[in-house]
Amino acid sequence: MKTSVIYLIGFSTSGKSTLGKIIAEKLNFHFIDLDEAITQQQGKSINALFDEFGEEGFRKIEQQLLVNTIFLTETVIACGGGTPCYSDNMDFLLRNGTVIYLEVDEAILLERMLNNKAERPLFKGKSKEEIASHVNKLLTTRKEFYERANITIKNNSDEESVVTNVLKSLE
């Protein structure tokens, strides 16, 4: 499969940013982390944007930046965990590039989430039980969007294996 833009989607902590950089390097593509691009454009952290505008306001900012990716070529873009679930974003992604869903087992996501909860606005200040419940609920609602991806890659193993699987799926 030849593509000029690759969108990586999946739940928070699924490895989109980490793996996206490696995949972009292997393909000799540019790499963009959508969350980092938002913080650079807005001059505020994702948490600060959620605090100021709420999730709905943040998603509108995110969508505006996402629409600008239509002009890019040879780029790997790590989307935020909720990016494909807002408005018609998933349709946009599918029309404008190859969408790869990095699927991670819920138990692994939860473990990663508990180690990074301060950095995740939807989990800030929540107990382990609240996070577990919220992860389950979000995964359930987001799954229908994630599963529309062109390619699904399990990310329960080492980075090298996952990157190899992604690159093979793009051939």
N, C-alpha and C. Protein backbone atom coordinates (compact mmCIF):
# COMPACT_ATOMS: atom_id res chain seq x y z
N MET A 1 0.85 -1.19 0.00
CA MET A 1 0.00 0.00 0.00
C MET A 1 0.89 1.24 0.00
N LYS A 2 0.76 2.04 -1.01
CA LYS A 2 1.52 3.29 -1.09
C LYS A 2 0.65 4.41 -0.51
N THR A 3 1.26 5.19 0.35
CA THR A 3 0.52 6.29 0.95
C THR A 3 1.48 7.44 1.22
N SER A 4 0.96 8.63 1.24
CA SER A 4 1.83 9.76 1.52
C SER A 4 1.62 10.30 2.93
N VAL A 5 0.48 10.01 3.54
CA VAL A 5 0.24 10.41 4.93
C VAL A 5 -0.28 9.19 5.69
N ILE A 6 0.31 8.95 6.84
CA ILE A 6 -0.10 7.85 7.70
C ILE A 6 -0.58 8.45 9.01
N TYR A 7 -1.82 8.13 9.36
CA TYR A 7 -2.38 8.58 10.63
C TYR A 7 -2.37 7.41 11.60
N LEU A 8 -1.72 7.59 12.74
CA LEU A 8 -1.73 6.57 13.79
C LEU A 8 -2.81 6.93 14.80
N ILE A 9 -3.71 5.98 15.04
CA ILE A 9 -4.77 6.21 16.02
C ILE A 9 -4.71 5.10 17.07
N GLY A 10 -5.36 5.35 18.18
CA GLY A 10 -5.42 4.38 19.25
C GLY A 10 -5.59 5.11 20.57
N PHE A 11 -5.81 4.34 21.60
CA PHE A 11 -6.06 4.90 22.92
C PHE A 11 -4.80 5.59 23.44
N SER A 12 -4.96 6.50 24.39
CA SER A 12 -3.81 7.12 25.06
C SER A 12 -2.88 6.03 25.56
N THR A 13 -1.60 6.25 25.44
CA THR A 13 -0.52 5.33 25.82
C THR A 13 -0.41 4.10 24.93
N SER A 14 -1.03 4.12 23.75
CA SER A 14 -0.94 2.96 22.85
C SER A 14 0.36 2.95 22.06
N GLY A 15 1.16 4.00 22.16
CA GLY A 15 2.46 4.04 21.49
C GLY A 15 2.49 4.84 20.21
N LYS A 16 1.47 5.64 19.96
CA LYS A 16 1.40 6.39 18.70
C LYS A 16 2.59 7.32 18.50
N SER A 17 2.94 8.07 19.52
CA SER A 17 4.06 9.03 19.40
C SER A 17 5.40 8.32 19.33
N THR A 18 5.62 7.40 20.22
CA THR A 18 6.90 6.68 20.25
C THR A 18 7.12 5.91 18.96
N LEU A 19 6.13 5.12 18.56
CA LEU A 19 6.26 4.31 17.35
C LEU A 19 6.21 5.17 16.09
N GLY A 20 5.42 6.24 16.14
CA GLY A 20 5.31 7.13 14.99
C GLY A 20 6.64 7.72 14.58
N LYS A 21 7.44 8.12 15.56
CA LYS A 21 8.78 8.67 15.28
C LYS A 21 9.65 7.63 14.58
N ILE A 22 9.60 6.40 15.08
CA ILE A 22 10.43 5.33 14.51
C ILE A 22 9.96 4.99 13.10
N ILE A 23 8.65 4.88 12.91
CA ILE A 23 8.09 4.56 11.59
C ILE A 23 8.45 5.66 10.59
N ALA A 24 8.30 6.91 11.01
CA ALA A 24 8.64 8.03 10.12
C ALA A 24 10.11 7.98 9.72
N GLU A 25 10.96 7.69 10.67
CA GLU A 25 12.39 7.62 10.38
C GLU A 25 12.69 6.50 9.38
N LYS A 26 12.07 5.33 9.58
CA LYS A 26 12.30 4.18 8.69
C LYS A 26 11.80 4.47 7.27
N LEU A 27 10.72 5.24 7.15
CA LEU A 27 10.16 5.56 5.84
C LEU A 27 10.77 6.83 5.23
N ASN A 28 11.62 7.50 6.03
CA ASN A 28 12.16 8.80 5.62
C ASN A 28 11.03 9.82 5.43
N PHE A 29 10.05 9.76 6.33
CA PHE A 29 8.91 10.69 6.36
C PHE A 29 9.12 11.70 7.48
N HIS A 30 8.33 12.75 7.46
CA HIS A 30 8.27 13.70 8.58
C HIS A 30 7.39 13.07 9.66
N PHE A 31 7.51 13.58 10.87
CA PHE A 31 6.66 13.11 11.97
C PHE A 31 6.01 14.30 12.65
N ILE A 32 4.72 14.16 12.92
CA ILE A 32 3.98 15.18 13.67
C ILE A 32 3.19 14.49 14.77
N ASP A 33 3.35 14.96 15.97
CA ASP A 33 2.50 14.55 17.09
C ASP A 33 1.43 15.63 17.19
N LEU A 34 0.19 15.28 16.93
CA LEU A 34 -0.89 16.27 16.89
C LEU A 34 -1.01 17.03 18.22
N ASP A 35 -0.87 16.33 19.35
CA ASP A 35 -0.94 17.00 20.65
C ASP A 35 0.19 18.02 20.81
N GLU A 36 1.41 17.64 20.39
CA GLU A 36 2.53 18.59 20.48
C GLU A 36 2.31 19.79 19.57
N ALA A 37 1.76 19.54 18.38
CA ALA A 37 1.48 20.65 17.45
C ALA A 37 0.45 21.60 18.06
N ILE A 38 -0.53 21.05 18.75
CA ILE A 38 -1.55 21.88 19.41
C ILE A 38 -0.92 22.73 20.50
N THR A 39 -0.07 22.12 21.33
CA THR A 39 0.54 22.89 22.43
C THR A 39 1.46 23.98 21.89
N GLN A 40 2.15 23.70 20.79
CA GLN A 40 3.00 24.72 20.18
C GLN A 40 2.16 25.86 19.62
N GLN A 41 1.09 25.51 18.91
CA GLN A 41 0.24 26.53 18.30
C GLN A 41 -0.46 27.39 19.35
N GLN A 42 -0.95 26.74 20.41
CA GLN A 42 -1.74 27.44 21.42
C GLN A 42 -0.89 28.05 22.54
N GLY A 43 0.35 27.58 22.67
CA GLY A 43 1.21 28.08 23.74
C GLY A 43 0.78 27.62 25.12
N LYS A 44 0.04 26.52 25.18
CA LYS A 44 -0.45 25.98 26.45
C LYS A 44 -0.41 24.46 26.40
N SER A 45 -0.33 23.85 27.58
CA SER A 45 -0.34 22.39 27.64
C SER A 45 -1.74 21.86 27.32
N ILE A 46 -1.80 20.57 26.98
CA ILE A 46 -3.10 19.94 26.73
C ILE A 46 -3.97 20.05 27.98
N ASN A 47 -3.39 19.81 29.16
CA ASN A 47 -4.16 19.94 30.40
C ASN A 47 -4.73 21.34 30.56
N ALA A 48 -3.91 22.37 30.28
CA ALA A 48 -4.37 23.76 30.41
C ALA A 48 -5.50 24.04 29.42
N LEU A 49 -5.39 23.50 28.21
CA LEU A 49 -6.44 23.70 27.20
C LEU A 49 -7.73 23.02 27.62
N PHE A 50 -7.64 21.81 28.18
CA PHE A 50 -8.83 21.12 28.69
C PHE A 50 -9.45 21.93 29.83
N ASP A 51 -8.60 22.44 30.73
CA ASP A 51 -9.11 23.24 31.86
C ASP A 51 -9.81 24.50 31.36
N GLU A 52 -9.22 25.15 30.37
CA GLU A 52 -9.77 26.42 29.88
C GLU A 52 -11.00 26.25 28.99
N PHE A 53 -10.96 25.28 28.08
CA PHE A 53 -12.02 25.15 27.07
C PHE A 53 -12.90 23.92 27.24
N GLY A 54 -12.52 23.01 28.14
CA GLY A 54 -13.24 21.75 28.26
C GLY A 54 -12.89 20.83 27.10
N GLU A 55 -13.38 19.60 27.14
CA GLU A 55 -13.04 18.66 26.08
C GLU A 55 -13.58 19.12 24.73
N GLU A 56 -14.80 19.64 24.71
CA GLU A 56 -15.42 20.08 23.44
C GLU A 56 -14.59 21.17 22.78
N GLY A 57 -14.17 22.17 23.56
CA GLY A 57 -13.35 23.25 23.02
C GLY A 57 -12.01 22.76 22.52
N PHE A 58 -11.41 21.84 23.29
CA PHE A 58 -10.13 21.26 22.88
C PHE A 58 -10.30 20.52 21.56
N ARG A 59 -11.36 19.73 21.43
CA ARG A 59 -11.58 18.95 20.20
C ARG A 59 -11.74 19.84 18.98
N LYS A 60 -12.32 21.02 19.15
CA LYS A 60 -12.46 21.95 18.03
C LYS A 60 -11.09 22.47 17.58
N ILE A 61 -10.24 22.78 18.55
CA ILE A 61 -8.87 23.22 18.24
C ILE A 61 -8.13 22.10 17.51
N GLU A 62 -8.26 20.89 18.04
CA GLU A 62 -7.62 19.72 17.46
C GLU A 62 -8.09 19.49 16.02
N GLN A 63 -9.39 19.62 15.80
CA GLN A 63 -9.94 19.40 14.47
C GLN A 63 -9.41 20.43 13.47
N GLN A 64 -9.28 21.68 13.90
CA GLN A 64 -8.76 22.71 13.00
C GLN A 64 -7.34 22.36 12.55
N LEU A 65 -6.52 21.88 13.48
CA LEU A 65 -5.16 21.51 13.14
C LEU A 65 -5.15 20.26 12.25
N LEU A 66 -6.02 19.32 12.55
CA LEU A 66 -6.11 18.08 11.77
C LEU A 66 -6.45 18.39 10.31
N VAL A 67 -7.39 19.29 10.08
CA VAL A 67 -7.80 19.64 8.72
C VAL A 67 -6.61 20.19 7.93
N ASN A 68 -5.70 20.87 8.60
CA ASN A 68 -4.52 21.42 7.90
C ASN A 68 -3.56 20.34 7.42
N THR A 69 -3.70 19.11 7.92
CA THR A 69 -2.80 18.03 7.48
C THR A 69 -3.11 17.60 6.05
N ILE A 70 -4.19 18.08 5.48
CA ILE A 70 -4.56 17.73 4.11
C ILE A 70 -3.47 18.17 3.12
N PHE A 71 -2.69 19.14 3.50
CA PHE A 71 -1.66 19.68 2.60
C PHE A 71 -0.32 18.96 2.74
N LEU A 72 -0.22 18.01 3.65
CA LEU A 72 1.05 17.34 3.92
C LEU A 72 1.28 16.14 3.00
N THR A 73 2.54 15.81 2.81
CA THR A 73 2.92 14.58 2.12
C THR A 73 4.05 13.95 2.92
N GLU A 74 4.26 12.65 2.70
CA GLU A 74 5.33 11.91 3.36
C GLU A 74 5.43 12.25 4.85
N THR A 75 4.33 12.04 5.55
CA THR A 75 4.26 12.40 6.97
C THR A 75 3.52 11.32 7.75
N VAL A 76 4.05 11.02 8.92
CA VAL A 76 3.38 10.16 9.89
C VAL A 76 2.83 11.08 10.97
N ILE A 77 1.53 10.95 11.26
CA ILE A 77 0.88 11.82 12.24
C ILE A 77 0.30 10.97 13.36
N ALA A 78 0.77 11.23 14.58
CA ALA A 78 0.24 10.58 15.76
C ALA A 78 -0.95 11.41 16.24
N CYS A 79 -2.14 10.85 16.14
CA CYS A 79 -3.35 11.56 16.57
C CYS A 79 -3.58 11.35 18.06
N GLY A 80 -4.33 12.25 18.67
CA GLY A 80 -4.72 12.07 20.05
C GLY A 80 -5.69 10.89 20.16
N GLY A 81 -5.80 10.32 21.34
CA GLY A 81 -6.66 9.15 21.54
C GLY A 81 -8.10 9.36 21.13
N GLY A 82 -8.61 10.58 21.31
CA GLY A 82 -10.00 10.86 20.98
C GLY A 82 -10.20 11.49 19.62
N THR A 83 -9.12 11.78 18.92
CA THR A 83 -9.20 12.48 17.64
C THR A 83 -10.18 11.84 16.65
N PRO A 84 -10.10 10.52 16.41
CA PRO A 84 -10.99 9.94 15.40
C PRO A 84 -12.47 9.91 15.80
N CYS A 85 -12.74 10.17 17.09
CA CYS A 85 -14.10 10.02 17.61
C CYS A 85 -14.89 11.32 17.60
N TYR A 86 -14.27 12.40 17.25
CA TYR A 86 -14.93 13.71 17.29
C TYR A 86 -15.42 14.09 15.89
N SER A 87 -16.64 14.58 15.83
CA SER A 87 -17.22 15.09 14.58
C SER A 87 -17.02 14.06 13.47
N ASP A 88 -16.55 14.51 12.31
CA ASP A 88 -16.33 13.58 11.19
C ASP A 88 -14.84 13.31 10.98
N ASN A 89 -14.07 13.41 12.05
CA ASN A 89 -12.62 13.25 11.94
C ASN A 89 -12.20 11.91 11.33
N MET A 90 -12.87 10.82 11.71
CA MET A 90 -12.47 9.52 11.18
C MET A 90 -12.67 9.47 9.67
N ASP A 91 -13.76 10.02 9.19
CA ASP A 91 -13.98 10.08 7.75
C ASP A 91 -12.87 10.87 7.07
N PHE A 92 -12.49 12.00 7.68
CA PHE A 92 -11.41 12.82 7.15
C PHE A 92 -10.11 12.02 7.07
N LEU A 93 -9.77 11.32 8.16
CA LEU A 93 -8.54 10.53 8.19
C LEU A 93 -8.53 9.49 7.07
N LEU A 94 -9.63 8.78 6.93
CA LEU A 94 -9.71 7.71 5.93
C LEU A 94 -9.65 8.25 4.50
N ARG A 95 -10.18 9.44 4.27
CA ARG A 95 -10.14 10.06 2.95
C ARG A 95 -8.74 10.56 2.58
N ASN A 96 -7.98 10.95 3.59
CA ASN A 96 -6.75 11.69 3.33
C ASN A 96 -5.45 10.96 3.64
N GLY A 97 -5.53 9.71 4.00
CA GLY A 97 -4.30 8.96 4.27
C GLY A 97 -4.60 7.52 4.62
N THR A 98 -3.59 6.83 5.08
CA THR A 98 -3.75 5.47 5.57
C THR A 98 -3.83 5.55 7.09
N VAL A 99 -4.88 4.95 7.63
CA VAL A 99 -5.11 5.02 9.08
C VAL A 99 -4.71 3.68 9.70
N ILE A 100 -3.82 3.75 10.68
CA ILE A 100 -3.36 2.56 11.37
C ILE A 100 -3.77 2.65 12.84
N TYR A 101 -4.52 1.64 13.27
CA TYR A 101 -4.96 1.55 14.66
C TYR A 101 -3.96 0.71 15.43
N LEU A 102 -3.32 1.31 16.43
CA LEU A 102 -2.43 0.58 17.32
C LEU A 102 -3.27 0.06 18.48
N GLU A 103 -3.61 -1.19 18.41
CA GLU A 103 -4.50 -1.81 19.39
C GLU A 103 -3.68 -2.42 20.53
N VAL A 104 -4.04 -2.06 21.75
CA VAL A 104 -3.35 -2.55 22.94
C VAL A 104 -4.40 -3.14 23.88
N ASP A 105 -4.07 -4.27 24.50
CA ASP A 105 -4.99 -4.88 25.45
C ASP A 105 -5.30 -3.92 26.60
N GLU A 106 -6.53 -3.96 27.06
CA GLU A 106 -6.99 -3.03 28.09
C GLU A 106 -6.13 -3.06 29.35
N ALA A 107 -5.72 -4.24 29.79
CA ALA A 107 -4.90 -4.35 31.01
C ALA A 107 -3.57 -3.62 30.86
N ILE A 108 -2.97 -3.71 29.67
CA ILE A 108 -1.70 -3.03 29.42
C ILE A 108 -1.92 -1.52 29.36
N LEU A 109 -3.00 -1.09 28.71
CA LEU A 109 -3.33 0.34 28.67
C LEU A 109 -3.51 0.89 30.08
N LEU A 110 -4.23 0.15 30.91
CA LEU A 110 -4.49 0.60 32.27
C LEU A 110 -3.18 0.74 33.05
N GLU A 111 -2.30 -0.22 32.91
CA GLU A 111 -1.01 -0.16 33.60
C GLU A 111 -0.23 1.07 33.16
N ARG A 112 -0.18 1.31 31.85
CA ARG A 112 0.52 2.48 31.31
C ARG A 112 -0.14 3.77 31.79
N MET A 113 -1.47 3.77 31.79
CA MET A 113 -2.23 4.95 32.20
C MET A 113 -1.95 5.31 33.66
N LEU A 114 -1.89 4.31 34.51
CA LEU A 114 -1.63 4.55 35.93
C LEU A 114 -0.24 5.15 36.14
N ASN A 115 0.69 4.81 35.27
CA ASN A 115 2.04 5.37 35.36
C ASN A 115 2.14 6.78 34.79
N ASN A 116 1.14 7.21 34.01
CA ASN A 116 1.19 8.52 33.34
C ASN A 116 -0.05 9.37 33.57
N LYS A 117 -0.83 9.08 34.60
CA LYS A 117 -2.14 9.73 34.72
C LYS A 117 -2.07 11.24 34.86
N ALA A 118 -1.02 11.77 35.44
CA ALA A 118 -0.92 13.23 35.60
C ALA A 118 -0.85 13.95 34.26
N GLU A 119 -0.33 13.25 33.23
CA GLU A 119 -0.18 13.86 31.92
C GLU A 119 -1.45 13.76 31.08
N ARG A 120 -2.44 13.03 31.53
CA ARG A 120 -3.63 12.75 30.73
C ARG A 120 -4.82 13.52 31.31
N PRO A 121 -5.32 14.52 30.60
CA PRO A 121 -6.37 15.36 31.16
C PRO A 121 -7.66 14.62 31.53
N LEU A 122 -8.01 13.57 30.82
CA LEU A 122 -9.24 12.85 31.13
C LEU A 122 -9.11 11.98 32.38
N PHE A 123 -7.88 11.84 32.91
CA PHE A 123 -7.65 10.96 34.06
C PHE A 123 -7.07 11.69 35.26
N LYS A 124 -6.85 12.98 35.12
CA LYS A 124 -6.25 13.78 36.18
C LYS A 124 -7.11 13.72 37.44
N GLY A 125 -6.45 13.42 38.57
CA GLY A 125 -7.14 13.44 39.86
C GLY A 125 -8.04 12.24 40.14
N LYS A 126 -8.01 11.23 39.30
CA LYS A 126 -8.88 10.06 39.49
C LYS A 126 -8.14 8.94 40.22
N SER A 127 -8.88 8.14 40.98
CA SER A 127 -8.31 6.99 41.67
C SER A 127 -8.07 5.86 40.66
N LYS A 128 -7.35 4.83 41.10
CA LYS A 128 -7.07 3.68 40.24
C LYS A 128 -8.37 3.06 39.74
N GLU A 129 -9.35 2.93 40.62
CA GLU A 129 -10.64 2.33 40.25
C GLU A 129 -11.39 3.20 39.25
N GLU A 130 -11.35 4.51 39.48
CA GLU A 130 -12.02 5.44 38.55
C GLU A 130 -11.35 5.42 37.17
N ILE A 131 -10.02 5.33 37.17
CA ILE A 131 -9.30 5.26 35.91
C ILE A 131 -9.65 3.98 35.17
N ALA A 132 -9.66 2.85 35.90
CA ALA A 132 -9.99 1.56 35.28
C ALA A 132 -11.38 1.61 34.65
N SER A 133 -12.34 2.16 35.37
CA SER A 133 -13.71 2.26 34.88
C SER A 133 -13.77 3.18 33.65
N HIS A 134 -13.06 4.30 33.72
CA HIS A 134 -13.09 5.28 32.63
C HIS A 134 -12.40 4.72 31.38
N VAL A 135 -11.28 4.02 31.57
CA VAL A 135 -10.58 3.41 30.43
C VAL A 135 -11.52 2.43 29.74
N ASN A 136 -12.19 1.59 30.52
CA ASN A 136 -13.11 0.60 29.96
C ASN A 136 -14.24 1.29 29.18
N LYS A 137 -14.81 2.32 29.78
CA LYS A 137 -15.92 3.05 29.13
C LYS A 137 -15.46 3.72 27.84
N LEU A 138 -14.32 4.41 27.89
CA LEU A 138 -13.81 5.09 26.70
C LEU A 138 -13.45 4.10 25.60
N LEU A 139 -12.80 3.00 25.98
CA LEU A 139 -12.44 1.99 24.98
C LEU A 139 -13.68 1.45 24.29
N THR A 140 -14.71 1.21 25.07
CA THR A 140 -15.95 0.68 24.51
C THR A 140 -16.56 1.65 23.51
N THR A 141 -16.58 2.94 23.84
CA THR A 141 -17.19 3.92 22.93
C THR A 141 -16.28 4.25 21.74
N ARG A 142 -14.98 4.20 21.94
CA ARG A 142 -14.06 4.56 20.85
C ARG A 142 -13.77 3.42 19.89
N LYS A 143 -14.01 2.20 20.34
CA LYS A 143 -13.66 1.01 19.54
C LYS A 143 -14.26 1.05 18.14
N GLU A 144 -15.52 1.47 18.02
CA GLU A 144 -16.17 1.50 16.70
C GLU A 144 -15.44 2.44 15.74
N PHE A 145 -14.84 3.50 16.27
CA PHE A 145 -14.07 4.41 15.42
C PHE A 145 -12.72 3.80 15.07
N TYR A 146 -12.03 3.31 16.10
CA TYR A 146 -10.71 2.71 15.90
C TYR A 146 -10.75 1.56 14.89
N GLU A 147 -11.79 0.76 14.98
CA GLU A 147 -11.87 -0.43 14.12
C GLU A 147 -12.17 -0.11 12.66
N ARG A 148 -12.45 1.14 12.35
CA ARG A 148 -12.65 1.55 10.96
C ARG A 148 -11.32 1.81 10.24
N ALA A 149 -10.22 1.74 10.97
CA ALA A 149 -8.90 2.00 10.38
C ALA A 149 -8.63 1.06 9.22
N ASN A 150 -7.78 1.51 8.31
CA ASN A 150 -7.37 0.67 7.18
C ASN A 150 -6.60 -0.56 7.66
N ILE A 151 -5.80 -0.37 8.70
CA ILE A 151 -4.92 -1.42 9.21
C ILE A 151 -4.99 -1.41 10.74
N THR A 152 -5.05 -2.60 11.32
CA THR A 152 -4.98 -2.74 12.78
C THR A 152 -3.73 -3.53 13.12
N ILE A 153 -2.94 -2.99 14.03
CA ILE A 153 -1.71 -3.64 14.48
C ILE A 153 -1.77 -3.79 16.00
N LYS A 154 -1.60 -5.00 16.47
CA LYS A 154 -1.54 -5.24 17.92
C LYS A 154 -0.23 -4.68 18.45
N ASN A 155 -0.30 -3.88 19.49
CA ASN A 155 0.90 -3.32 20.12
C ASN A 155 1.03 -3.84 21.54
N ASN A 156 1.17 -5.14 21.67
CA ASN A 156 1.37 -5.75 22.99
C ASN A 156 2.77 -6.33 23.12
N SER A 157 3.62 -6.10 22.09
CA SER A 157 4.97 -6.66 22.14
C SER A 157 6.00 -5.54 22.05
N ASP A 158 7.22 -5.92 21.72
CA ASP A 158 8.30 -4.93 21.69
C ASP A 158 8.15 -3.99 20.49
N GLU A 159 8.74 -2.80 20.63
CA GLU A 159 8.64 -1.76 19.60
C GLU A 159 9.09 -2.24 18.22
N GLU A 160 10.21 -2.96 18.19
CA GLU A 160 10.77 -3.40 16.91
C GLU A 160 9.79 -4.30 16.14
N SER A 161 9.14 -5.22 16.86
CA SER A 161 8.17 -6.11 16.20
C SER A 161 6.98 -5.33 15.67
N VAL A 162 6.51 -4.38 16.46
CA VAL A 162 5.35 -3.59 16.05
C VAL A 162 5.71 -2.75 14.81
N VAL A 163 6.87 -2.10 14.84
CA VAL A 163 7.31 -1.29 13.70
C VAL A 163 7.44 -2.16 12.45
N THR A 164 8.02 -3.34 12.60
CA THR A 164 8.15 -4.28 11.47
C THR A 164 6.78 -4.64 10.92
N ASN A 165 5.82 -4.91 11.80
CA ASN A 165 4.46 -5.25 11.36
C ASN A 165 3.80 -4.09 10.63
N VAL A 166 4.00 -2.88 11.12
CA VAL A 166 3.43 -1.69 10.47
C VAL A 166 4.03 -1.55 9.07
N LEU A 167 5.35 -1.63 8.97
CA LEU A 167 6.01 -1.44 7.68
C LEU A 167 5.60 -2.52 6.69
N LYS A 168 5.46 -3.78 7.14
CA LYS A 168 5.00 -4.85 6.26
C LYS A 168 3.58 -4.59 5.77
N SER A 169 2.74 -4.07 6.66
CA SER A 169 1.34 -3.82 6.29
C SER A 169 1.22 -2.68 5.27
N LEU A 170 2.22 -1.84 5.19
CA LEU A 170 2.19 -0.72 4.25
C LEU A 170 2.72 -1.09 2.87
N GLU A 171 3.32 -2.25 2.75
CA GLU A 171 3.92 -2.66 1.45
C GLU A 171 2.86 -2.91 0.40
